[in-house]
């Protein structure tokens, strides 16, 4: 009896290999997104902790959020520039 593998039809392992290749190709771009989100969340968290310590709520949180977002976008653009330079 002929199986799908003998007939040349794609099997489950071939399809998964393609998916894993796609995930590997997307990982650097996912890392860029996580850096942006992580910077913003870290800025908010540090600002909140500062507010709790010195009692300046909400200004520490606002300033921390702004600094985190600015640093996140800076890291985002630097990473995107490096990634696009590698692809050329």
Protein backbone atom coordinates (compact mmCIF):
# COMPACT_ATOMS: atom_id res chain seq x y z
CA UNK A 1 0.00 0.00 0.00
CA UNK A 2 1.30 3.49 -0.88
CA UNK A 3 1.57 6.05 1.87
CA UNK A 4 1.41 9.81 1.57
CA UNK A 5 5.17 10.06 2.16
CA UNK A 6 5.89 7.76 -0.77
CA UNK A 7 3.64 9.77 -3.06
CA UNK A 8 5.48 12.99 -2.26
CA UNK A 9 2.61 14.60 -0.39
CA UNK A 10 3.69 16.89 2.47
CA UNK A 11 3.47 15.20 5.80
CA UNK A 12 3.05 16.64 9.28
CA UNK A 13 6.81 16.97 9.88
CA UNK A 14 7.36 18.97 6.66
CA UNK A 15 4.58 21.36 7.58
CA UNK A 16 5.94 21.83 11.10
CA UNK A 17 9.41 22.46 9.72
CA UNK A 18 7.96 25.32 7.67
CA UNK A 19 6.18 26.75 10.70
CA UNK A 20 9.33 26.59 12.81
CA UNK A 21 11.28 28.37 10.05
CA UNK A 22 8.68 31.12 10.06
CA UNK A 23 8.83 31.45 13.83
CA UNK A 24 12.62 31.63 13.74
CA UNK A 25 12.45 34.35 11.09
CA UNK A 26 9.95 36.33 13.17
CA UNK A 27 11.81 36.08 16.50
CA UNK A 28 14.06 39.14 16.01
CA UNK A 29 10.99 41.24 15.19
CA UNK A 30 9.09 39.89 18.19
CA UNK A 31 12.08 40.78 20.36
CA UNK A 32 11.87 44.38 19.12
CA UNK A 33 8.22 44.59 20.16
CA UNK A 34 8.91 43.13 23.59
CA UNK A 35 11.69 45.67 24.16
CA UNK A 36 9.29 48.52 23.42
CA UNK A 37 6.59 47.15 25.72
CA UNK A 38 9.08 46.21 28.43
CA UNK A 39 10.60 49.69 28.49
CA UNK A 40 7.21 51.36 28.85
CA UNK A 41 6.06 48.99 31.60
CA UNK A 42 9.39 49.31 33.43
CA UNK A 43 9.15 53.11 33.32
CA UNK A 44 5.64 53.06 34.76
CA UNK A 45 6.67 50.59 37.47
CA UNK A 46 9.73 52.62 38.50
CA UNK A 47 7.67 55.80 38.51
CA UNK A 48 5.02 54.18 40.68
CA UNK A 49 7.62 52.94 43.15
CA UNK A 50 9.12 56.42 43.26
CA UNK A 51 5.67 57.89 43.93
CA UNK A 52 5.11 55.48 46.80
CA UNK A 53 8.50 56.29 48.34
CA UNK A 54 8.34 60.08 48.17
CA UNK A 55 4.56 60.60 48.03
CA UNK A 56 4.41 62.52 44.75
CA UNK A 57 1.58 60.59 43.13
CA UNK A 58 0.92 60.78 40.07
CA UNK A 59 3.95 62.72 38.85
CA UNK A 60 6.52 59.95 39.26
CA UNK A 61 4.30 57.55 37.34
CA UNK A 62 3.73 60.06 34.54
CA UNK A 63 7.41 60.96 34.25
CA UNK A 64 8.42 57.28 34.48
CA UNK A 65 5.93 56.38 31.74
CA UNK A 66 7.22 59.13 29.46
CA UNK A 67 10.86 58.21 30.03
CA UNK A 68 10.08 54.51 29.50
CA UNK A 69 8.20 55.21 26.28
CA UNK A 70 10.95 57.46 24.92
CA UNK A 71 13.66 54.92 25.75
CA UNK A 72 11.50 52.14 24.34
CA UNK A 73 11.05 53.92 21.03
CA UNK A 74 14.76 54.70 20.90
CA UNK A 75 15.60 51.00 21.39
CA UNK A 76 12.86 50.09 18.90
CA UNK A 77 14.25 52.27 16.12
CA UNK A 78 17.85 51.20 16.76
CA UNK A 79 16.83 47.52 16.62
CA UNK A 80 14.73 47.98 13.50
CA UNK A 81 17.62 49.76 11.80
CA UNK A 82 19.97 46.87 12.64
CA UNK A 83 17.48 44.25 11.46
CA UNK A 84 16.77 45.97 8.16
CA UNK A 85 20.49 46.49 7.58
CA UNK A 86 21.08 42.72 8.06
CA UNK A 87 18.35 41.83 5.55
CA UNK A 88 19.82 43.93 2.72
